[in-house]
C-alpha cells in the first residue's frame, strides 16, 4: 500500500521577498568614522587605565567640537556624492 502524501509531487516554490535592504555601493562612511572614534577612545582608556601607559591628558571639553566637525563634514561629503 502506498502513502497518498508521496504522490503529491514537489512543494510549491516559495514567493520572493518583497522588501530588501537598500544597496550602498560606497559603504557607510559615517558608521566607519564613528566606529574608528569609539575604537580610538576605548584604546586610549585601555592603554591608560588597564596597561598603565602614561597617555597624554586630553581635555574632552576642547575635543568634542572637532568630533562634530568631522561627522558633519562627512555627512556633507556623502550627500554631495549621491547627487553626482
PDB file of N, CA and C in Angstrom:
ATOM      1  N   UNK A   1       0.847  -1.170   0.000  1.00  0.00           N
ATOM      2  CA  UNK A   1       0.000   0.000   0.000  1.00  0.00           C
ATOM      3  C   UNK A   1       0.902   1.246   0.000  1.00  0.00           C
ATOM      4  N   UNK A   2       0.626   2.218  -0.847  1.00  0.00           N
ATOM      5  CA  UNK A   2       1.428   3.443  -0.937  1.00  0.00           C
ATOM      6  C   UNK A   2       0.774   4.555  -0.143  1.00  0.00           C
ATOM      7  N   UNK A   3       1.620   5.464   0.298  1.00  0.00           N
ATOM      8  CA  UNK A   3       1.148   6.610   1.081  1.00  0.00           C
ATOM      9  C   UNK A   3       0.652   7.693   0.121  1.00  0.00           C
ATOM     10  N   UNK A   4      -0.556   8.245   0.288  1.00  0.00           N
ATOM     11  CA  UNK A   4      -1.051   9.284  -0.627  1.00  0.00           C
ATOM     12  C   UNK A   4      -0.198  10.549  -0.609  1.00  0.00           C
ATOM     13  N   UNK A   5       0.539  10.811   0.477  1.00  0.00           N
ATOM     14  CA  UNK A   5       1.368  12.023   0.542  1.00  0.00           C
ATOM     15  C   UNK A   5       2.543  11.932  -0.417  1.00  0.00           C
ATOM     16  N   UNK A   6       2.996  10.715  -0.799  1.00  0.00           N
ATOM     17  CA  UNK A   6       4.119  10.549  -1.716  1.00  0.00           C
ATOM     18  C   UNK A   6       3.750  10.936  -3.138  1.00  0.00           C
ATOM     19  N   UNK A   7       2.484  10.919  -3.511  1.00  0.00           N
ATOM     20  CA  UNK A   7       2.042  11.184  -4.874  1.00  0.00           C
ATOM     21  C   UNK A   7       1.771  12.660  -5.143  1.00  0.00           C
ATOM     22  N   UNK A   8       2.042  13.558  -4.198  1.00  0.00           N
ATOM     23  CA  UNK A   8       1.688  14.974  -4.377  1.00  0.00           C
ATOM     24  C   UNK A   8       2.736  15.746  -5.167  1.00  0.00           C
ATOM     25  N   UNK A   9       3.937  15.262  -5.310  1.00  0.00           N
ATOM     26  CA  UNK A   9       4.961  15.964  -6.057  1.00  0.00           C
ATOM     27  C   UNK A   9       5.725  16.944  -5.174  1.00  0.00           C
ATOM     28  N   UNK A  10       6.575  17.757  -5.790  1.00  0.00           N
ATOM     29  CA  UNK A  10       7.382  18.701  -5.003  1.00  0.00           C
ATOM     30  C   UNK A  10       6.523  19.828  -4.445  1.00  0.00           C
ATOM     31  N   UNK A  11       6.972  20.420  -3.346  1.00  0.00           N
ATOM     32  CA  UNK A  11       6.197  21.542  -2.779  1.00  0.00           C
ATOM     33  C   UNK A  11       6.236  22.743  -3.713  1.00  0.00           C
ATOM     34  N   UNK A  12       5.256  23.626  -3.612  1.00  0.00           N
ATOM     35  CA  UNK A  12       5.252  24.816  -4.480  1.00  0.00           C
ATOM     36  C   UNK A  12       6.443  25.722  -4.145  1.00  0.00           C
ATOM     37  N   UNK A  13       6.902  26.498  -5.119  1.00  0.00           N
ATOM     38  CA  UNK A  13       8.044  27.396  -4.850  1.00  0.00           C
ATOM     39  C   UNK A  13       7.675  28.482  -3.850  1.00  0.00           C
ATOM     40  N   UNK A  14       8.675  28.895  -3.098  1.00  0.00           N
ATOM     41  CA  UNK A  14       8.458  29.967  -2.114  1.00  0.00           C
ATOM     42  C   UNK A  14       8.406  31.314  -2.821  1.00  0.00           C
ATOM     43  N   UNK A  15       7.543  32.213  -2.361  1.00  0.00           N
ATOM     44  CA  UNK A  15       7.482  33.539  -3.007  1.00  0.00           C
ATOM     45  C   UNK A  15       8.740  34.350  -2.678  1.00  0.00           C
ATOM     46  N   UNK A  16       9.106  35.214  -3.616  1.00  0.00           N
ATOM     47  CA  UNK A  16      10.249  36.110  -3.421  1.00  0.00           C
ATOM     48  C   UNK A  16       9.918  37.136  -2.348  1.00  0.00           C
ATOM     49  N   UNK A  17      10.885  37.498  -1.503  1.00  0.00           N
ATOM     50  CA  UNK A  17      10.599  38.553  -0.511  1.00  0.00           C
ATOM     51  C   UNK A  17      10.351  39.879  -1.215  1.00  0.00           C
ATOM     52  N   UNK A  18       9.433  40.649  -0.675  1.00  0.00           N
ATOM     53  CA  UNK A  18       9.079  41.914  -1.313  1.00  0.00           C
ATOM     54  C   UNK A  18       9.967  43.073  -0.862  1.00  0.00           C
ATOM     55  N   UNK A  19      10.583  42.972   0.318  1.00  0.00           N
ATOM     56  CA  UNK A  19      11.430  44.057   0.813  1.00  0.00           C
ATOM     57  C   UNK A  19      12.870  43.587   0.884  1.00  0.00           C
ATOM     58  N   UNK A  20      13.761  44.417   0.428  1.00  0.00           N
ATOM     59  CA  UNK A  20      15.190  44.141   0.526  1.00  0.00           C
ATOM     60  C   UNK A  20      15.873  45.398   1.032  1.00  0.00           C
ATOM     61  N   UNK A  21      16.953  45.249   1.818  1.00  0.00           N
ATOM     62  CA  UNK A  21      17.655  46.446   2.273  1.00  0.00           C
ATOM     63  C   UNK A  21      18.271  47.180   1.093  1.00  0.00           C
ATOM     64  N   UNK A  22      18.392  48.502   1.179  1.00  0.00           N
ATOM     65  CA  UNK A  22      18.956  49.257   0.054  1.00  0.00           C
ATOM     66  C   UNK A  22      20.434  48.933  -0.135  1.00  0.00           C
ATOM     67  N   UNK A  23      20.866  48.989  -1.385  1.00  0.00           N
ATOM     68  CA  UNK A  23      22.270  48.760  -1.704  1.00  0.00           C
ATOM     69  C   UNK A  23      23.059  50.037  -1.475  1.00  0.00           C
ATOM     70  N   UNK A  24      24.213  49.914  -0.867  1.00  0.00           N
ATOM     71  CA  UNK A  24      25.107  51.049  -0.639  1.00  0.00           C
ATOM     72  C   UNK A  24      26.457  50.710  -1.254  1.00  0.00           C
ATOM     73  N   UNK A  25      26.660  51.048  -2.525  1.00  0.00           N
ATOM     74  CA  UNK A  25      27.911  50.663  -3.161  1.00  0.00           C
ATOM     75  C   UNK A  25      29.129  51.370  -2.579  1.00  0.00           C
ATOM     76  N   UNK A  26      28.954  52.571  -2.039  1.00  0.00           N
ATOM     77  CA  UNK A  26      30.099  53.301  -1.496  1.00  0.00           C
ATOM     78  C   UNK A  26      30.345  52.996  -0.025  1.00  0.00           C
ATOM     79  N   UNK A  27      29.571  52.144   0.581  1.00  0.00           N
ATOM     80  CA  UNK A  27      29.753  51.835   2.002  1.00  0.00           C
ATOM     81  C   UNK A  27      29.100  52.895   2.864  1.00  0.00           C
ATOM     82  N   UNK A  28      29.119  52.669   4.138  1.00  0.00           N
ATOM     83  CA  UNK A  28      28.517  53.605   5.062  1.00  0.00           C
ATOM     84  C   UNK A  28      29.642  54.286   5.838  1.00  0.00           C
ATOM     85  N   UNK A  29      30.150  55.382   5.291  1.00  0.00           N
ATOM     86  CA  UNK A  29      31.327  56.045   5.856  1.00  0.00           C
ATOM     87  C   UNK A  29      31.074  56.624   7.234  1.00  0.00           C
ATOM     88  N   UNK A  30      29.875  57.101   7.493  1.00  0.00           N
ATOM     89  CA  UNK A  30      29.619  57.669   8.820  1.00  0.00           C
ATOM     90  C   UNK A  30      29.712  56.587   9.890  1.00  0.00           C
ATOM     91  N   UNK A  31      29.248  55.383   9.591  1.00  0.00           N
ATOM     92  CA  UNK A  31      29.367  54.281  10.539  1.00  0.00           C
ATOM     93  C   UNK A  31      30.829  53.931  10.770  1.00  0.00           C
ATOM     94  N   UNK A  32      31.627  53.946   9.717  1.00  0.00           N
ATOM     95  CA  UNK A  32      33.054  53.637   9.843  1.00  0.00           C
ATOM     96  C   UNK A  32      33.748  54.685  10.694  1.00  0.00           C
ATOM     97  N   UNK A  33      33.450  55.962  10.463  1.00  0.00           N
ATOM     98  CA  UNK A  33      34.098  57.029  11.229  1.00  0.00           C
ATOM     99  C   UNK A  33      33.714  56.949  12.701  1.00  0.00           C
ATOM    100  N   UNK A  34      32.446  56.745  12.993  1.00  0.00           N
ATOM    101  CA  UNK A  34      32.023  56.638  14.388  1.00  0.00           C
ATOM    102  C   UNK A  34      32.681  55.416  15.039  1.00  0.00           C
ATOM    103  N   UNK A  35      32.780  54.311  14.312  1.00  0.00           N
ATOM    104  CA  UNK A  35      33.456  53.133  14.838  1.00  0.00           C
ATOM    105  C   UNK A  35      34.917  53.383  15.140  1.00  0.00           C
ATOM    106  N   UNK A  36      35.604  54.090  14.259  1.00  0.00           N
ATOM    107  CA  UNK A  36      37.015  54.419  14.494  1.00  0.00           C
ATOM    108  C   UNK A  36      37.155  55.336  15.702  1.00  0.00           C
ATOM    109  N   UNK A  37      36.251  56.279  15.851  1.00  0.00           N
ATOM    110  CA  UNK A  37      36.302  57.178  17.010  1.00  0.00           C
ATOM    111  C   UNK A  37      36.120  56.380  18.301  1.00  0.00           C
ATOM    112  N   UNK A  38      35.142  55.476  18.325  1.00  0.00           N
ATOM    113  CA  UNK A  38      34.934  54.648  19.520  1.00  0.00           C
ATOM    114  C   UNK A  38      36.138  53.759  19.802  1.00  0.00           C
ATOM    115  N   UNK A  39      36.735  53.189  18.758  1.00  0.00           N
ATOM    116  CA  UNK A  39      37.935  52.371  18.953  1.00  0.00           C
ATOM    117  C   UNK A  39      39.085  53.198  19.516  1.00  0.00           C
ATOM    118  N   UNK A  40      39.252  54.410  19.015  1.00  0.00           N
ATOM    119  CA  UNK A  40      40.339  55.256  19.495  1.00  0.00           C
ATOM    120  C   UNK A  40      40.138  55.637  20.964  1.00  0.00           C
ATOM    121  N   UNK A  41      38.929  56.012  21.332  1.00  0.00           N
ATOM    122  CA  UNK A  41      38.665  56.378  22.727  1.00  0.00           C
ATOM    123  C   UNK A  41      38.811  55.161  23.637  1.00  0.00           C
ATOM    124  N   UNK A  42      38.276  54.030  23.211  1.00  0.00           N
ATOM    125  CA  UNK A  42      38.414  52.808  24.010  1.00  0.00           C
ATOM    126  C   UNK A  42      39.864  52.384  24.154  1.00  0.00           C
ATOM    127  N   UNK A  43      40.618  52.454  23.062  1.00  0.00           N
ATOM    128  CA  UNK A  43      42.046  52.120  23.126  1.00  0.00           C
ATOM    129  C   UNK A  43      42.804  53.057  24.047  1.00  0.00           C
ATOM    130  N   UNK A  44      42.462  54.340  23.996  1.00  0.00           N
ATOM    131  CA  UNK A  44      43.092  55.338  24.860  1.00  0.00           C
ATOM    132  C   UNK A  44      42.918  54.954  26.333  1.00  0.00           C
ATOM    133  N   UNK A  45      41.673  54.704  26.711  1.00  0.00           N
ATOM    134  CA  UNK A  45      41.402  54.350  28.105  1.00  0.00           C
ATOM    135  C   UNK A  45      42.002  52.998  28.474  1.00  0.00           C
ATOM    136  N   UNK A  46      42.018  52.049  27.542  1.00  0.00           N
ATOM    137  CA  UNK A  46      42.600  50.743  27.818  1.00  0.00           C
ATOM    138  C   UNK A  46      44.092  50.869  28.114  1.00  0.00           C
ATOM    139  N   UNK A  47      44.805  51.598  27.271  1.00  0.00           N
ATOM    140  CA  UNK A  47      46.243  51.763  27.492  1.00  0.00           C
ATOM    141  C   UNK A  47      46.521  52.555  28.760  1.00  0.00           C
ATOM    142  N   UNK A  48      45.705  53.560  29.034  1.00  0.00           N
ATOM    143  CA  UNK A  48      45.937  54.418  30.196  1.00  0.00           C
ATOM    144  C   UNK A  48      45.561  53.726  31.501  1.00  0.00           C
ATOM    145  N   UNK A  49      44.359  53.183  31.570  1.00  0.00           N
ATOM    146  CA  UNK A  49      43.856  52.637  32.833  1.00  0.00           C
ATOM    147  C   UNK A  49      44.275  51.190  33.076  1.00  0.00           C
ATOM    148  N   UNK A  50      44.208  50.342  32.062  1.00  0.00           N
ATOM    149  CA  UNK A  50      44.451  48.917  32.249  1.00  0.00           C
ATOM    150  C   UNK A  50      45.928  48.572  32.179  1.00  0.00           C
ATOM    151  N   UNK A  51      46.614  49.064  31.162  1.00  0.00           N
ATOM    152  CA  UNK A  51      48.020  48.716  30.981  1.00  0.00           C
ATOM    153  C   UNK A  51      48.969  49.666  31.697  1.00  0.00           C
ATOM    154  N   UNK A  52      48.479  50.797  32.151  1.00  0.00           N
ATOM    155  CA  UNK A  52      49.284  51.729  32.924  1.00  0.00           C
ATOM    156  C   UNK A  52      50.225  52.602  32.115  1.00  0.00           C
ATOM    157  N   UNK A  53      50.022  52.689  30.797  1.00  0.00           N
ATOM    158  CA  UNK A  53      50.851  53.592  29.998  1.00  0.00           C
ATOM    159  C   UNK A  53      50.488  55.030  30.323  1.00  0.00           C
ATOM    160  N   UNK A  54      51.461  55.899  30.293  1.00  0.00           N
ATOM    161  CA  UNK A  54      51.212  57.326  30.514  1.00  0.00           C
ATOM    162  C   UNK A  54      50.769  57.960  29.198  1.00  0.00           C
ATOM    163  N   UNK A  55      49.478  58.096  29.044  1.00  0.00           N
ATOM    164  CA  UNK A  55      48.935  58.726  27.839  1.00  0.00           C
ATOM    165  C   UNK A  55      48.797  60.223  28.103  1.00  0.00           C
ATOM    166  N   UNK A  56      48.996  61.046  27.063  1.00  0.00           N
ATOM    167  CA  UNK A  56      48.816  62.485  27.264  1.00  0.00           C
ATOM    168  C   UNK A  56      47.384  62.795  27.691  1.00  0.00           C
ATOM    169  N   UNK A  57      47.231  63.740  28.559  1.00  0.00           N
ATOM    170  CA  UNK A  57      45.893  64.126  29.032  1.00  0.00           C
ATOM    171  C   UNK A  57      45.212  64.997  27.992  1.00  0.00           C
ATOM    172  N   UNK A  58      43.969  64.668  27.722  1.00  0.00           N
ATOM    173  CA  UNK A  58      43.173  65.416  26.748  1.00  0.00           C
ATOM    174  C   UNK A  58      41.995  66.028  27.478  1.00  0.00           C
ATOM    175  N   UNK A  59      41.785  67.293  27.248  1.00  0.00           N
ATOM    176  CA  UNK A  59      40.603  67.945  27.803  1.00  0.00           C
ATOM    177  C   UNK A  59      39.460  67.726  26.824  1.00  0.00           C
ATOM    178  N   UNK A  60      38.492  66.860  27.203  1.00  0.00           N
ATOM    179  CA  UNK A  60      37.410  66.494  26.315  1.00  0.00           C
ATOM    180  C   UNK A  60      36.529  67.692  25.980  1.00  0.00           C
ATOM    181  N   UNK A  61      36.527  68.690  26.832  1.00  0.00           N
ATOM    182  CA  UNK A  61      35.760  69.898  26.529  1.00  0.00           C
ATOM    183  C   UNK A  61      36.291  70.629  25.313  1.00  0.00           C
ATOM    184  N   UNK A  62      37.580  70.446  25.012  1.00  0.00           N
ATOM    185  CA  UNK A  62      38.165  71.063  23.827  1.00  0.00           C
ATOM    186  C   UNK A  62      38.074  70.163  22.597  1.00  0.00           C
ATOM    187  N   UNK A  63      37.808  68.880  22.798  1.00  0.00           N
ATOM    188  CA  UNK A  63      37.847  67.934  21.685  1.00  0.00           C
ATOM    189  C   UNK A  63      36.481  67.702  21.035  1.00  0.00           C
ATOM    190  N   UNK A  64      35.389  67.812  21.780  1.00  0.00           N
ATOM    191  CA  UNK A  64      34.091  67.450  21.209  1.00  0.00           C
ATOM    192  C   UNK A  64      33.696  68.296  20.006  1.00  0.00           C
ATOM    193  N   UNK A  65      34.045  69.593  19.902  1.00  0.00           N
ATOM    194  CA  UNK A  65      33.682  70.314  18.674  1.00  0.00           C
ATOM    195  C   UNK A  65      34.382  69.748  17.433  1.00  0.00           C
ATOM    196  N   UNK A  66      35.589  69.234  17.602  1.00  0.00           N
ATOM    197  CA  UNK A  66      36.296  68.640  16.465  1.00  0.00           C
ATOM    198  C   UNK A  66      35.549  67.405  15.975  1.00  0.00           C
ATOM    199  N   UNK A  67      35.038  66.608  16.907  1.00  0.00           N
ATOM    200  CA  UNK A  67      34.274  65.425  16.515  1.00  0.00           C
ATOM    201  C   UNK A  67      33.009  65.814  15.753  1.00  0.00           C
ATOM    202  N   UNK A  68      32.337  66.866  16.192  1.00  0.00           N
ATOM    203  CA  UNK A  68      31.147  67.338  15.475  1.00  0.00           C
ATOM    204  C   UNK A  68      31.497  67.823  14.070  1.00  0.00           C
ATOM    205  N   UNK A  69      32.609  68.509  13.934  1.00  0.00           N
ATOM    206  CA  UNK A  69      33.038  68.998  12.622  1.00  0.00           C
ATOM    207  C   UNK A  69      33.330  67.833  11.688  1.00  0.00           C
ATOM    208  N   UNK A  70      34.022  66.808  12.191  1.00  0.00           N
ATOM    209  CA  UNK A  70      34.354  65.646  11.358  1.00  0.00           C
ATOM    210  C   UNK A  70      33.094  64.918  10.905  1.00  0.00           C
ATOM    211  N   UNK A  71      32.178  64.674  11.813  1.00  0.00           N
ATOM    212  CA  UNK A  71      30.944  63.971  11.451  1.00  0.00           C
ATOM    213  C   UNK A  71      30.107  64.819  10.498  1.00  0.00           C
ATOM    214  N   UNK A  72      29.997  66.112  10.731  1.00  0.00           N
ATOM    215  CA  UNK A  72      29.238  66.990   9.836  1.00  0.00           C
ATOM    216  C   UNK A  72      29.846  67.067   8.447  1.00  0.00           C
ATOM    217  N   UNK A  73      31.170  67.161   8.370  1.00  0.00           N
ATOM    218  CA  UNK A  73      31.835  67.197   7.062  1.00  0.00           C
ATOM    219  C   UNK A  73      31.628  65.889   6.322  1.00  0.00           C
ATOM    220  N   UNK A  74      31.667  64.802   7.034  1.00  0.00           N
ATOM    221  CA  UNK A  74      31.438  63.505   6.404  1.00  0.00           C
ATOM    222  C   UNK A  74      30.022  63.408   5.854  1.00  0.00           C
ATOM    223  N   UNK A  75      29.049  63.893   6.592  1.00  0.00           N
ATOM    224  CA  UNK A  75      27.665  63.863   6.127  1.00  0.00           C
ATOM    225  C   UNK A  75      27.489  64.723   4.874  1.00  0.00           C
ATOM    226  N   UNK A  76      28.112  65.896   4.843  1.00  0.00           N
ATOM    227  CA  UNK A  76      28.028  66.745   3.657  1.00  0.00           C
ATOM    228  C   UNK A  76      28.707  66.091   2.458  1.00  0.00           C
ATOM    229  N   UNK A  77      29.849  65.477   2.686  1.00  0.00           N
ATOM    230  CA  UNK A  77      30.578  64.812   1.613  1.00  0.00           C
ATOM    231  C   UNK A  77      29.757  63.670   1.011  1.00  0.00           C
ATOM    232  N   UNK A  78      29.100  62.891   1.867  1.00  0.00           N
ATOM    233  CA  UNK A  78      28.284  61.783   1.382  1.00  0.00           C
ATOM    234  C   UNK A  78      27.064  62.274   0.620  1.00  0.00           C
ATOM    235  N   UNK A  79      26.401  63.344   1.106  1.00  0.00           N
ATOM    236  CA  UNK A  79      25.218  63.829   0.400  1.00  0.00           C
ATOM    237  C   UNK A  79      25.596  64.441  -0.945  1.00  0.00           C
ATOM    238  N   UNK A  80      26.750  65.094  -1.047  1.00  0.00           N
ATOM    239  CA  UNK A  80      27.200  65.647  -2.320  1.00  0.00           C
ATOM    240  C   UNK A  80      27.565  64.520  -3.280  1.00  0.00           C
ATOM    241  N   UNK A  81      28.102  63.427  -2.766  1.00  0.00           N
ATOM    242  CA  UNK A  81      28.465  62.304  -3.628  1.00  0.00           C
ATOM    243  C   UNK A  81      27.262  61.605  -4.222  1.00  0.00           C
ATOM    244  N   UNK A  82      26.136  61.603  -3.533  1.00  0.00           N
ATOM    245  CA  UNK A  82      24.924  60.950  -4.045  1.00  0.00           C
ATOM    246  C   UNK A  82      24.302  61.711  -5.201  1.00  0.00           C
ATOM    247  N   UNK A  83      24.506  63.016  -5.257  1.00  0.00           N
ATOM    248  CA  UNK A  83      23.882  63.836  -6.294  1.00  0.00           C
ATOM    249  C   UNK A  83      24.620  63.747  -7.621  1.00  0.00           C
ATOM    250  N   UNK A  84      25.865  63.337  -7.602  1.00  0.00           N
ATOM    251  CA  UNK A  84      26.629  63.285  -8.854  1.00  0.00           C
ATOM    252  C   UNK A  84      26.470  61.970  -9.536  1.00  0.00           C
TER     253      UNK A  84
END
